[in-house]
Amino acid sequence: MIQSMTGYGKEVVQLPSKTITIEIKSLNSKGLDINTRVPSAYREKELEIRDLLAKSLQRGKVDFSLYIEVTGEEVSTQLNEIAVRQYIKQLANVVNGDPVELLKMAVRMPDALKTEREEIDDKEYEAILKGIEKALEAINKYRSDEGLVLENDFIERSKTISKLLEDVVAIDPERIDAVKERLRKAVADLKEKVDENRFEQELIYYLEKYDITEEKVRLKNHLDYFNQTLKSADSNGKKLGFITQEIGREVNTIGSKANYAPMQQVVVQMKDELEKIKEQALNVL
């Protein structure tokens, strides 16, 4: 079953003094492009997190975000009491003011607050890793659900192309008759007597040049292979893209050889359906 590259997964981990939110978003891309946003304390774990994402998501433009909100009494920013007292003392020498007002000014000064570097808590990081696993499960389910929608759309559009191919097969005999009639009329308009044997040879050559028997057979085979690939375990967007290129090649050849308006109109419908398949195939993992 195919998967879409578009997906979203979120997991919220509640700890005694923190709320940890993990979000993973993905869009289609030619390869794997991972962008991470993590708190500075977890920068050293970024490579490990990237590896987890790469193994699970394989391909796509991936945005990973890790947010940590402190909900308890734990804070990482502390008041620099020594610096604040010095600022208040210096301000008092400049102006006579209320101590509260001087304190308000002092805490706005540089170095009034100091941020202590947080050390990674092993239990907290273990909880984060479990949260990432759940978020990955969620985004992969999203991708599978989207893949099912894409698969159904591909099947319906390939059926439409197959039906149009049947129309091409049905039209082909009358196309050949129309080509023969045009040639005979063109010769008659010359008002010249022609060698019938030579005319038949030229007609055969002309008809062979515009024969689409091989294209019809190959197009049917490519459509069958496309549907088989959708159901196979190794199905992926790149493989489906290669098959649609082959389908397009046969459709274009039929169009160029048709030389008959009703068949060319059918070919235009086939091209329209195929373009929609190609666009959607870009979203397949």
C-alpha atoms as a PDB file:
ATOM      1  CA  MET A   1       0.000   0.000   0.000  1.00  0.00           C
ATOM      2  CA  ILE A   2       1.316   3.436  -0.912  1.00  0.00           C
ATOM      3  CA  GLN A   3       1.872   6.285   1.545  1.00  0.00           C
ATOM      4  CA  SER A   4       1.596  10.008   1.015  1.00  0.00           C
ATOM      5  CA  MET A   5       4.488  12.284   1.923  1.00  0.00           C
ATOM      6  CA  THR A   6       2.007  14.748   3.432  1.00  0.00           C
ATOM      7  CA  GLY A   7       1.364  14.165   7.119  1.00  0.00           C
ATOM      8  CA  TYR A   8       1.034  15.556  10.626  1.00  0.00           C
ATOM      9  CA  GLY A   9       1.701  14.053  14.040  1.00  0.00           C
ATOM     10  CA  LYS A  10       1.524  15.561  17.527  1.00  0.00           C
ATOM     11  CA  GLU A  11       2.125  14.237  21.021  1.00  0.00           C
ATOM     12  CA  VAL A  12       1.910  16.059  24.362  1.00  0.00           C
ATOM     13  CA  VAL A  13       3.874  14.655  27.303  1.00  0.00           C
ATOM     14  CA  GLN A  14       2.880  15.842  30.777  1.00  0.00           C
ATOM     15  CA  LEU A  15       5.592  15.747  33.450  1.00  0.00           C
ATOM     16  CA  PRO A  16       5.232  16.911  37.087  1.00  0.00           C
ATOM     17  CA  SER A  17       6.676  20.375  36.385  1.00  0.00           C
ATOM     18  CA  LYS A  18       6.760  20.557  32.553  1.00  0.00           C
ATOM     19  CA  THR A  19       4.557  20.158  29.495  1.00  0.00           C
ATOM     20  CA  ILE A  20       6.423  18.813  26.482  1.00  0.00           C
ATOM     21  CA  THR A  21       4.829  19.237  23.041  1.00  0.00           C
ATOM     22  CA  ILE A  22       6.183  17.389  19.997  1.00  0.00           C
ATOM     23  CA  GLU A  23       4.995  18.248  16.488  1.00  0.00           C
ATOM     24  CA  ILE A  24       6.023  16.664  13.182  1.00  0.00           C
ATOM     25  CA  LYS A  25       4.832  17.954   9.808  1.00  0.00           C
ATOM     26  CA  SER A  26       5.816  16.677   6.364  1.00  0.00           C
ATOM     27  CA  LEU A  27       5.267  17.703   2.754  1.00  0.00           C
ATOM     28  CA  ASN A  28       6.395  16.243  -0.550  1.00  0.00           C
ATOM     29  CA  SER A  29      10.038  16.558  -1.587  1.00  0.00           C
ATOM     30  CA  LYS A  30      12.447  14.824  -3.969  1.00  0.00           C
ATOM     31  CA  GLY A  31      14.503  13.556  -1.048  1.00  0.00           C
ATOM     32  CA  LEU A  32      14.589  13.798   2.750  1.00  0.00           C
ATOM     33  CA  ASP A  33      14.871  17.348   4.099  1.00  0.00           C
ATOM     34  CA  ILE A  34      14.630  17.598   7.901  1.00  0.00           C
ATOM     35  CA  ASN A  35      14.304  20.904   9.752  1.00  0.00           C
ATOM     36  CA  THR A  36      14.392  20.739  13.573  1.00  0.00           C
ATOM     37  CA  ARG A  37      13.510  23.267  16.275  1.00  0.00           C
ATOM     38  CA  VAL A  38      14.603  22.144  19.740  1.00  0.00           C
ATOM     39  CA  PRO A  39      15.480  23.965  22.996  1.00  0.00           C
ATOM     40  CA  SER A  40      19.142  24.830  23.391  1.00  0.00           C
ATOM     41  CA  ALA A  41      19.520  22.285  26.190  1.00  0.00           C
ATOM     42  CA  TYR A  42      18.748  19.497  23.715  1.00  0.00           C
ATOM     43  CA  ARG A  43      21.016  20.624  20.865  1.00  0.00           C
ATOM     44  CA  GLU A  44      23.432  17.801  21.637  1.00  0.00           C
ATOM     45  CA  LYS A  45      20.591  15.299  21.041  1.00  0.00           C
ATOM     46  CA  GLU A  46      19.579  16.813  17.698  1.00  0.00           C
ATOM     47  CA  LEU A  47      21.535  14.305  15.586  1.00  0.00           C
ATOM     48  CA  GLU A  48      19.958  11.378  17.436  1.00  0.00           C
ATOM     49  CA  ILE A  49      16.490  12.866  16.907  1.00  0.00           C
ATOM     50  CA  ARG A  50      17.213  13.388  13.208  1.00  0.00           C
ATOM     51  CA  ASP A  51      18.207   9.726  12.853  1.00  0.00           C
ATOM     52  CA  LEU A  52      14.898   8.624  14.412  1.00  0.00           C
ATOM     53  CA  LEU A  53      12.961  10.826  11.998  1.00  0.00           C
ATOM     54  CA  ALA A  54      14.949   9.668   8.964  1.00  0.00           C
ATOM     55  CA  LYS A  55      14.464   5.957   9.706  1.00  0.00           C
ATOM     56  CA  SER A  56      10.705   6.331  10.106  1.00  0.00           C
ATOM     57  CA  LEU A  57       9.795   8.948   7.485  1.00  0.00           C
ATOM     58  CA  GLN A  58      12.353   8.101   4.743  1.00  0.00           C
ATOM     59  CA  ARG A  59      11.387  10.916   2.364  1.00  0.00           C
ATOM     60  CA  GLY A  60       9.744  14.335   2.377  1.00  0.00           C
ATOM     61  CA  LYS A  61      10.236  17.871   3.694  1.00  0.00           C
ATOM     62  CA  VAL A  62       9.964  17.342   7.457  1.00  0.00           C
ATOM     63  CA  ASP A  63       9.523  20.023  10.143  1.00  0.00           C
ATOM     64  CA  PHE A  64      10.137  18.813  13.712  1.00  0.00           C
ATOM     65  CA  SER A  65       9.387  20.995  16.737  1.00  0.00           C
ATOM     66  CA  LEU A  66      10.032  20.303  20.417  1.00  0.00           C
ATOM     67  CA  TYR A  67       8.497  22.744  22.909  1.00  0.00           C
ATOM     68  CA  ILE A  68       9.077  22.577  26.676  1.00  0.00           C
ATOM     69  CA  GLU A  69       6.863  24.659  28.946  1.00  0.00           C
ATOM     70  CA  VAL A  70       7.676  24.926  32.635  1.00  0.00           C
ATOM     71  CA  THR A  71       4.441  24.534  34.621  1.00  0.00           C
ATOM     72  CA  GLY A  72       5.846  24.065  38.126  1.00  0.00           C
ATOM     73  CA  GLU A  73       8.183  26.036  40.384  1.00  0.00           C
ATOM     74  CA  GLU A  74      11.257  25.071  38.415  1.00  0.00           C
ATOM     75  CA  VAL A  75      12.871  28.024  36.623  1.00  0.00           C
ATOM     76  CA  SER A  76      16.147  28.281  34.761  1.00  0.00           C
ATOM     77  CA  THR A  77      16.507  32.084  35.077  1.00  0.00           C
ATOM     78  CA  GLN A  78      17.750  33.444  38.398  1.00  0.00           C
ATOM     79  CA  LEU A  79      18.075  36.970  39.757  1.00  0.00           C
ATOM     80  CA  ASN A  80      21.688  38.140  39.935  1.00  0.00           C
ATOM     81  CA  GLU A  81      21.418  39.661  43.409  1.00  0.00           C
ATOM     82  CA  ILE A  82      24.961  41.053  43.532  1.00  0.00           C
ATOM     83  CA  ALA A  83      24.549  42.869  40.226  1.00  0.00           C
ATOM     84  CA  VAL A  84      21.086  44.203  41.131  1.00  0.00           C
ATOM     85  CA  ARG A  85      22.323  45.578  44.508  1.00  0.00           C
ATOM     86  CA  GLN A  86      25.214  47.331  42.756  1.00  0.00           C
ATOM     87  CA  TYR A  87      22.837  48.868  40.211  1.00  0.00           C
ATOM     88  CA  ILE A  88      20.494  50.112  42.959  1.00  0.00           C
ATOM     89  CA  LYS A  89      23.440  51.625  44.860  1.00  0.00           C
ATOM     90  CA  GLN A  90      24.723  53.402  41.742  1.00  0.00           C
ATOM     91  CA  LEU A  91      21.235  54.644  40.803  1.00  0.00           C
ATOM     92  CA  ALA A  92      20.690  55.967  44.341  1.00  0.00           C
ATOM     93  CA  ASN A  93      23.860  58.049  43.962  1.00  0.00           C
ATOM     94  CA  VAL A  94      22.427  59.637  40.818  1.00  0.00           C
ATOM     95  CA  VAL A  95      18.784  60.213  41.834  1.00  0.00           C
ATOM     96  CA  ASN A  96      16.756  60.113  45.016  1.00  0.00           C
ATOM     97  CA  GLY A  97      13.997  57.642  44.341  1.00  0.00           C
ATOM     98  CA  ASP A  98      11.697  55.156  45.912  1.00  0.00           C
ATOM     99  CA  PRO A  99      13.551  51.819  46.505  1.00  0.00           C
ATOM    100  CA  VAL A 100      10.839  49.942  44.582  1.00  0.00           C
ATOM    101  CA  GLU A 101      11.268  52.226  41.559  1.00  0.00           C
ATOM    102  CA  LEU A 102      15.050  51.836  41.746  1.00  0.00           C
ATOM    103  CA  LEU A 103      14.593  48.056  41.853  1.00  0.00           C
ATOM    104  CA  LYS A 104      12.387  48.197  38.739  1.00  0.00           C
ATOM    105  CA  MET A 105      15.142  50.076  36.913  1.00  0.00           C
ATOM    106  CA  ALA A 106      17.898  47.811  38.221  1.00  0.00           C
ATOM    107  CA  VAL A 107      16.328  44.551  37.005  1.00  0.00           C
ATOM    108  CA  ARG A 108      16.215  45.982  33.463  1.00  0.00           C
ATOM    109  CA  MET A 109      19.965  46.486  33.452  1.00  0.00           C
ATOM    110  CA  PRO A 110      22.401  44.072  31.697  1.00  0.00           C
ATOM    111  CA  ASP A 111      23.296  40.969  33.717  1.00  0.00           C
ATOM    112  CA  ALA A 112      20.503  41.578  36.219  1.00  0.00           C
ATOM    113  CA  LEU A 113      19.157  38.169  35.316  1.00  0.00           C
ATOM    114  CA  LYS A 114      21.289  35.106  34.737  1.00  0.00           C
ATOM    115  CA  THR A 115      20.247  31.927  32.979  1.00  0.00           C
ATOM    116  CA  GLU A 116      21.740  28.750  34.298  1.00  0.00           C
ATOM    117  CA  ARG A 117      22.551  26.118  31.717  1.00  0.00           C
ATOM    118  CA  GLU A 118      20.117  23.254  32.062  1.00  0.00           C
ATOM    119  CA  GLU A 119      21.470  19.742  32.268  1.00  0.00           C
ATOM    120  CA  ILE A 120      19.557  17.051  30.412  1.00  0.00           C
ATOM    121  CA  ASP A 121      17.493  14.929  32.752  1.00  0.00           C
ATOM    122  CA  ASP A 122      17.658  11.284  31.648  1.00  0.00           C
ATOM    123  CA  LYS A 123      14.059  10.523  32.632  1.00  0.00           C
ATOM    124  CA  GLU A 124      12.830  13.644  30.871  1.00  0.00           C
ATOM    125  CA  TYR A 125      14.723  12.736  27.697  1.00  0.00           C
ATOM    126  CA  GLU A 126      13.365   9.184  27.854  1.00  0.00           C
ATOM    127  CA  ALA A 127       9.863  10.652  28.004  1.00  0.00           C
ATOM    128  CA  ILE A 128      10.681  12.852  25.001  1.00  0.00           C
ATOM    129  CA  LEU A 129      11.884   9.852  22.969  1.00  0.00           C
ATOM    130  CA  LYS A 130       8.654   7.981  23.741  1.00  0.00           C
ATOM    131  CA  GLY A 131       6.718  11.083  22.729  1.00  0.00           C
ATOM    132  CA  ILE A 132       8.598  11.236  19.426  1.00  0.00           C
ATOM    133  CA  GLU A 133       7.756   7.585  18.758  1.00  0.00           C
ATOM    134  CA  LYS A 134       4.050   8.266  19.308  1.00  0.00           C
ATOM    135  CA  ALA A 135       4.173  11.390  17.122  1.00  0.00           C
ATOM    136  CA  LEU A 136       5.843   9.320  14.384  1.00  0.00           C
ATOM    137  CA  GLU A 137       3.102   6.686  14.695  1.00  0.00           C
ATOM    138  CA  ALA A 138       0.518   9.446  14.282  1.00  0.00           C
ATOM    139  CA  ILE A 139       2.150  11.004  11.221  1.00  0.00           C
ATOM    140  CA  ASN A 140       2.671   7.602   9.570  1.00  0.00           C
ATOM    141  CA  LYS A 141      -1.015   6.761  10.109  1.00  0.00           C
ATOM    142  CA  TYR A 142      -1.880  10.120   8.551  1.00  0.00           C
ATOM    143  CA  ARG A 143       0.386   9.301   5.606  1.00  0.00           C
ATOM    144  CA  SER A 144      -1.209   5.863   5.186  1.00  0.00           C
ATOM    145  CA  ASP A 145      -4.720   7.335   5.233  1.00  0.00           C
ATOM    146  CA  GLU A 146      -3.713   9.924   2.642  1.00  0.00           C
ATOM    147  CA  GLY A 147      -2.031   7.161   0.620  1.00  0.00           C
ATOM    148  CA  LEU A 148      -5.295   5.210   0.517  1.00  0.00           C
ATOM    149  CA  VAL A 149      -7.084   8.251  -0.914  1.00  0.00           C
ATOM    150  CA  LEU A 150      -4.342   8.638  -3.544  1.00  0.00           C
ATOM    151  CA  GLU A 151      -4.478   4.924  -4.394  1.00  0.00           C
ATOM    152  CA  ASN A 152      -8.231   5.020  -4.989  1.00  0.00           C
ATOM    153  CA  ASP A 153      -7.820   8.097  -7.169  1.00  0.00           C
ATOM    154  CA  PHE A 154      -5.038   6.418  -9.192  1.00  0.00           C
ATOM    155  CA  ILE A 155      -7.156   3.291  -9.711  1.00  0.00           C
ATOM    156  CA  GLU A 156     -10.154   5.297 -10.954  1.00  0.00           C
ATOM    157  CA  ARG A 157      -8.059   7.402 -13.315  1.00  0.00           C
ATOM    158  CA  SER A 158      -6.212   4.378 -14.713  1.00  0.00           C
ATOM    159  CA  LYS A 159      -9.607   2.737 -15.296  1.00  0.00           C
ATOM    160  CA  THR A 160     -10.681   5.846 -17.198  1.00  0.00           C
ATOM    161  CA  ILE A 161      -7.560   5.684 -19.371  1.00  0.00           C
ATOM    162  CA  SER A 162      -8.201   1.959 -19.992  1.00  0.00           C
ATOM    163  CA  LYS A 163     -11.770   2.777 -21.054  1.00  0.00           C
ATOM    164  CA  LEU A 164     -10.477   5.478 -23.378  1.00  0.00           C
ATOM    165  CA  LEU A 165      -8.011   2.949 -24.805  1.00  0.00           C
ATOM    166  CA  GLU A 166     -10.985   0.711 -25.602  1.00  0.00           C
ATOM    167  CA  ASP A 167     -12.486   3.680 -27.448  1.00  0.00           C
ATOM    168  CA  VAL A 168      -9.238   4.042 -29.412  1.00  0.00           C
ATOM    169  CA  VAL A 169      -9.376   0.342 -30.349  1.00  0.00           C
ATOM    170  CA  ALA A 170     -13.010   0.740 -31.460  1.00  0.00           C
ATOM    171  CA  ILE A 171     -12.266   3.855 -33.519  1.00  0.00           C
ATOM    172  CA  ASP A 172      -9.141   2.435 -35.187  1.00  0.00           C
ATOM    173  CA  PRO A 173     -10.888   0.503 -38.042  1.00  0.00           C
ATOM    174  CA  GLU A 174     -12.890   3.535 -39.120  1.00  0.00           C
ATOM    175  CA  ARG A 175      -9.728   5.648 -38.862  1.00  0.00           C
ATOM    176  CA  ILE A 176      -7.987   3.279 -41.300  1.00  0.00           C
ATOM    177  CA  ASP A 177     -10.969   3.445 -43.670  1.00  0.00           C
ATOM    178  CA  ALA A 178     -10.941   7.237 -43.464  1.00  0.00           C
ATOM    179  CA  VAL A 179      -7.206   7.342 -44.243  1.00  0.00           C
ATOM    180  CA  LYS A 180      -7.689   5.058 -47.258  1.00  0.00           C
ATOM    181  CA  GLU A 181     -10.595   7.204 -48.493  1.00  0.00           C
ATOM    182  CA  ARG A 182      -8.553  10.385 -48.209  1.00  0.00           C
ATOM    183  CA  LEU A 183      -5.725   8.873 -50.192  1.00  0.00           C
ATOM    184  CA  ARG A 184      -8.031   7.584 -52.931  1.00  0.00           C
ATOM    185  CA  LYS A 185      -9.722  10.976 -53.146  1.00  0.00           C
ATOM    186  CA  ALA A 186      -6.368  12.736 -53.329  1.00  0.00           C
ATOM    187  CA  VAL A 187      -5.309  10.477 -56.217  1.00  0.00           C
ATOM    188  CA  ALA A 188      -8.660  10.952 -57.968  1.00  0.00           C
ATOM    189  CA  ASP A 189      -8.292  14.718 -57.707  1.00  0.00           C
ATOM    190  CA  LEU A 190      -5.046  14.439 -59.658  1.00  0.00           C
ATOM    191  CA  LYS A 191      -7.095  13.133 -62.593  1.00  0.00           C
ATOM    192  CA  GLU A 192      -4.219  10.926 -63.503  1.00  0.00           C
ATOM    193  CA  LYS A 193      -4.302   7.238 -64.216  1.00  0.00           C
ATOM    194  CA  VAL A 194      -2.185   5.433 -61.659  1.00  0.00           C
ATOM    195  CA  ASP A 195      -0.781   1.953 -61.393  1.00  0.00           C
ATOM    196  CA  GLU A 196      -3.075   0.139 -58.979  1.00  0.00           C
ATOM    197  CA  ASN A 197      -0.324  -2.184 -57.789  1.00  0.00           C
ATOM    198  CA  ARG A 198       1.954   0.745 -57.060  1.00  0.00           C
ATOM    199  CA  PHE A 199      -0.887   2.571 -55.340  1.00  0.00           C
ATOM    200  CA  GLU A 200      -1.598  -0.434 -53.114  1.00  0.00           C
ATOM    201  CA  GLN A 201       2.083  -0.671 -52.163  1.00  0.00           C
ATOM    202  CA  GLU A 202       2.190   3.004 -51.245  1.00  0.00           C
ATOM    203  CA  LEU A 203      -1.050   2.652 -49.320  1.00  0.00           C
ATOM    204  CA  ILE A 204       0.333  -0.296 -47.346  1.00  0.00           C
ATOM    205  CA  TYR A 205       3.493   1.683 -46.562  1.00  0.00           C
ATOM    206  CA  TYR A 206       1.432   4.664 -45.449  1.00  0.00           C
ATOM    207  CA  LEU A 207      -0.849   2.572 -43.253  1.00  0.00           C
ATOM    208  CA  GLU A 208       2.102   0.756 -41.656  1.00  0.00           C
ATOM    209  CA  LYS A 209       3.654   4.105 -40.835  1.00  0.00           C
ATOM    210  CA  TYR A 210       0.518   5.126 -38.930  1.00  0.00           C
ATOM    211  CA  ASP A 211      -0.237   1.725 -37.417  1.00  0.00           C
ATOM    212  CA  ILE A 212      -0.746   1.932 -33.640  1.00  0.00           C
ATOM    213  CA  THR A 213      -1.086  -1.772 -32.818  1.00  0.00           C
ATOM    214  CA  GLU A 214       2.157  -1.900 -30.810  1.00  0.00           C
ATOM    215  CA  GLU A 215       1.315   1.304 -28.951  1.00  0.00           C
ATOM    216  CA  LYS A 216      -2.098  -0.047 -27.932  1.00  0.00           C
ATOM    217  CA  VAL A 217      -0.548  -3.262 -26.607  1.00  0.00           C
ATOM    218  CA  ARG A 218       2.242  -1.468 -24.737  1.00  0.00           C
ATOM    219  CA  LEU A 219      -0.160   1.079 -23.248  1.00  0.00           C
ATOM    220  CA  LYS A 220      -2.376  -1.690 -21.893  1.00  0.00           C
ATOM    221  CA  ASN A 221       0.667  -3.452 -20.417  1.00  0.00           C
ATOM    222  CA  HIS A 222       1.884  -0.234 -18.769  1.00  0.00           C
ATOM    223  CA  LEU A 223      -1.552   0.404 -17.232  1.00  0.00           C
ATOM    224  CA  ASP A 224      -1.670  -3.155 -15.876  1.00  0.00           C
ATOM    225  CA  TYR A 225       1.850  -2.756 -14.445  1.00  0.00           C
ATOM    226  CA  PHE A 226       0.868   0.571 -12.863  1.00  0.00           C
ATOM    227  CA  ASN A 227      -2.043  -1.067 -11.023  1.00  0.00           C
ATOM    228  CA  GLN A 228       0.101  -4.035  -9.963  1.00  0.00           C
ATOM    229  CA  THR A 229       2.743  -1.686  -8.593  1.00  0.00           C
ATOM    230  CA  LEU A 230       0.148   0.174  -6.515  1.00  0.00           C
ATOM    231  CA  LYS A 231      -0.541  -3.059  -4.623  1.00  0.00           C
ATOM    232  CA  SER A 232       3.073  -4.239  -4.337  1.00  0.00           C
ATOM    233  CA  ALA A 233       5.205  -3.948  -1.205  1.00  0.00           C
ATOM    234  CA  ASP A 234       7.943  -1.977  -3.001  1.00  0.00           C
ATOM    235  CA  SER A 235       5.565   0.605  -4.438  1.00  0.00           C
ATOM    236  CA  ASN A 236       6.906   4.168  -4.221  1.00  0.00           C
ATOM    237  CA  GLY A 237       6.424   7.539  -5.855  1.00  0.00           C
ATOM    238  CA  LYS A 238       9.559   7.372  -7.978  1.00  0.00           C
ATOM    239  CA  LYS A 239       8.625   3.977  -9.442  1.00  0.00           C
ATOM    240  CA  LEU A 240       5.079   5.121 -10.192  1.00  0.00           C
ATOM    241  CA  GLY A 241       6.556   8.233 -11.801  1.00  0.00           C
ATOM    242  CA  PHE A 242       8.697   6.124 -14.155  1.00  0.00           C
ATOM    243  CA  ILE A 243       5.667   4.058 -15.197  1.00  0.00           C
ATOM    244  CA  THR A 244       3.575   7.163 -15.886  1.00  0.00           C
ATOM    245  CA  GLN A 245       6.379   8.404 -18.156  1.00  0.00           C
ATOM    246  CA  GLU A 246       6.084   5.184 -20.191  1.00  0.00           C
ATOM    247  CA  ILE A 247       2.292   5.535 -20.299  1.00  0.00           C
ATOM    248  CA  GLY A 248       2.691   9.116 -21.502  1.00  0.00           C
ATOM    249  CA  ARG A 249       5.118   8.043 -24.223  1.00  0.00           C
ATOM    250  CA  GLU A 250       2.597   5.585 -25.706  1.00  0.00           C
ATOM    251  CA  VAL A 251      -0.297   8.056 -25.425  1.00  0.00           C
ATOM    252  CA  ASN A 252       1.748  10.743 -27.220  1.00  0.00           C
ATOM    253  CA  THR A 253       2.735   8.328 -29.989  1.00  0.00           C
ATOM    254  CA  ILE A 254      -0.888   7.310 -30.555  1.00  0.00           C
ATOM    255  CA  GLY A 255      -1.801  10.987 -30.744  1.00  0.00           C
ATOM    256  CA  SER A 256       0.922  11.787 -33.256  1.00  0.00           C
ATOM    257  CA  LYS A 257       0.018   8.795 -35.434  1.00  0.00           C
ATOM    258  CA  ALA A 258      -3.768   9.162 -35.182  1.00  0.00           C
ATOM    259  CA  ASN A 259      -4.238  11.586 -38.085  1.00  0.00           C
ATOM    260  CA  TYR A 260      -7.959  11.350 -37.321  1.00  0.00           C
ATOM    261  CA  ALA A 261      -9.890  13.950 -35.288  1.00  0.00           C
ATOM    262  CA  PRO A 262     -12.185  11.597 -33.281  1.00  0.00           C
ATOM    263  CA  MET A 263      -9.174   9.563 -32.092  1.00  0.00           C
ATOM    264  CA  GLN A 264      -7.164  12.685 -31.292  1.00  0.00           C
ATOM    265  CA  GLN A 265     -10.029  13.907 -29.100  1.00  0.00           C
ATOM    266  CA  VAL A 266      -9.878  10.656 -27.113  1.00  0.00           C
ATOM    267  CA  VAL A 267      -6.096  11.040 -26.776  1.00  0.00           C
ATOM    268  CA  VAL A 268      -6.580  14.540 -25.307  1.00  0.00           C
ATOM    269  CA  GLN A 269      -8.849  13.032 -22.611  1.00  0.00           C
ATOM    270  CA  MET A 270      -6.219  10.378 -21.885  1.00  0.00           C
ATOM    271  CA  LYS A 271      -3.545  13.049 -21.497  1.00  0.00           C
ATOM    272  CA  ASP A 272      -5.751  15.024 -19.102  1.00  0.00           C
ATOM    273  CA  GLU A 273      -6.241  11.991 -16.832  1.00  0.00           C
ATOM    274  CA  LEU A 274      -2.547  11.124 -16.997  1.00  0.00           C
ATOM    275  CA  GLU A 275      -1.467  14.645 -15.993  1.00  0.00           C
ATOM    276  CA  LYS A 276      -3.639  14.395 -12.882  1.00  0.00           C
ATOM    277  CA  ILE A 277      -1.997  11.067 -12.023  1.00  0.00           C
ATOM    278  CA  LYS A 278       1.472  12.588 -12.477  1.00  0.00           C
ATOM    279  CA  GLU A 279       0.635  15.519 -10.204  1.00  0.00           C
ATOM    280  CA  GLN A 280      -0.629  13.236  -7.440  1.00  0.00           C
ATOM    281  CA  ALA A 281       2.293  10.803  -7.846  1.00  0.00           C
ATOM    282  CA  LEU A 282       4.611  13.597  -6.694  1.00  0.00           C
ATOM    283  CA  ASN A 283       2.997  13.273  -3.233  1.00  0.00           C
ATOM    284  CA  VAL A 284       3.654   9.529  -2.961  1.00  0.00           C
ATOM    285  CA  LEU A 285       6.415   8.395  -0.611  1.00  0.00           C
END
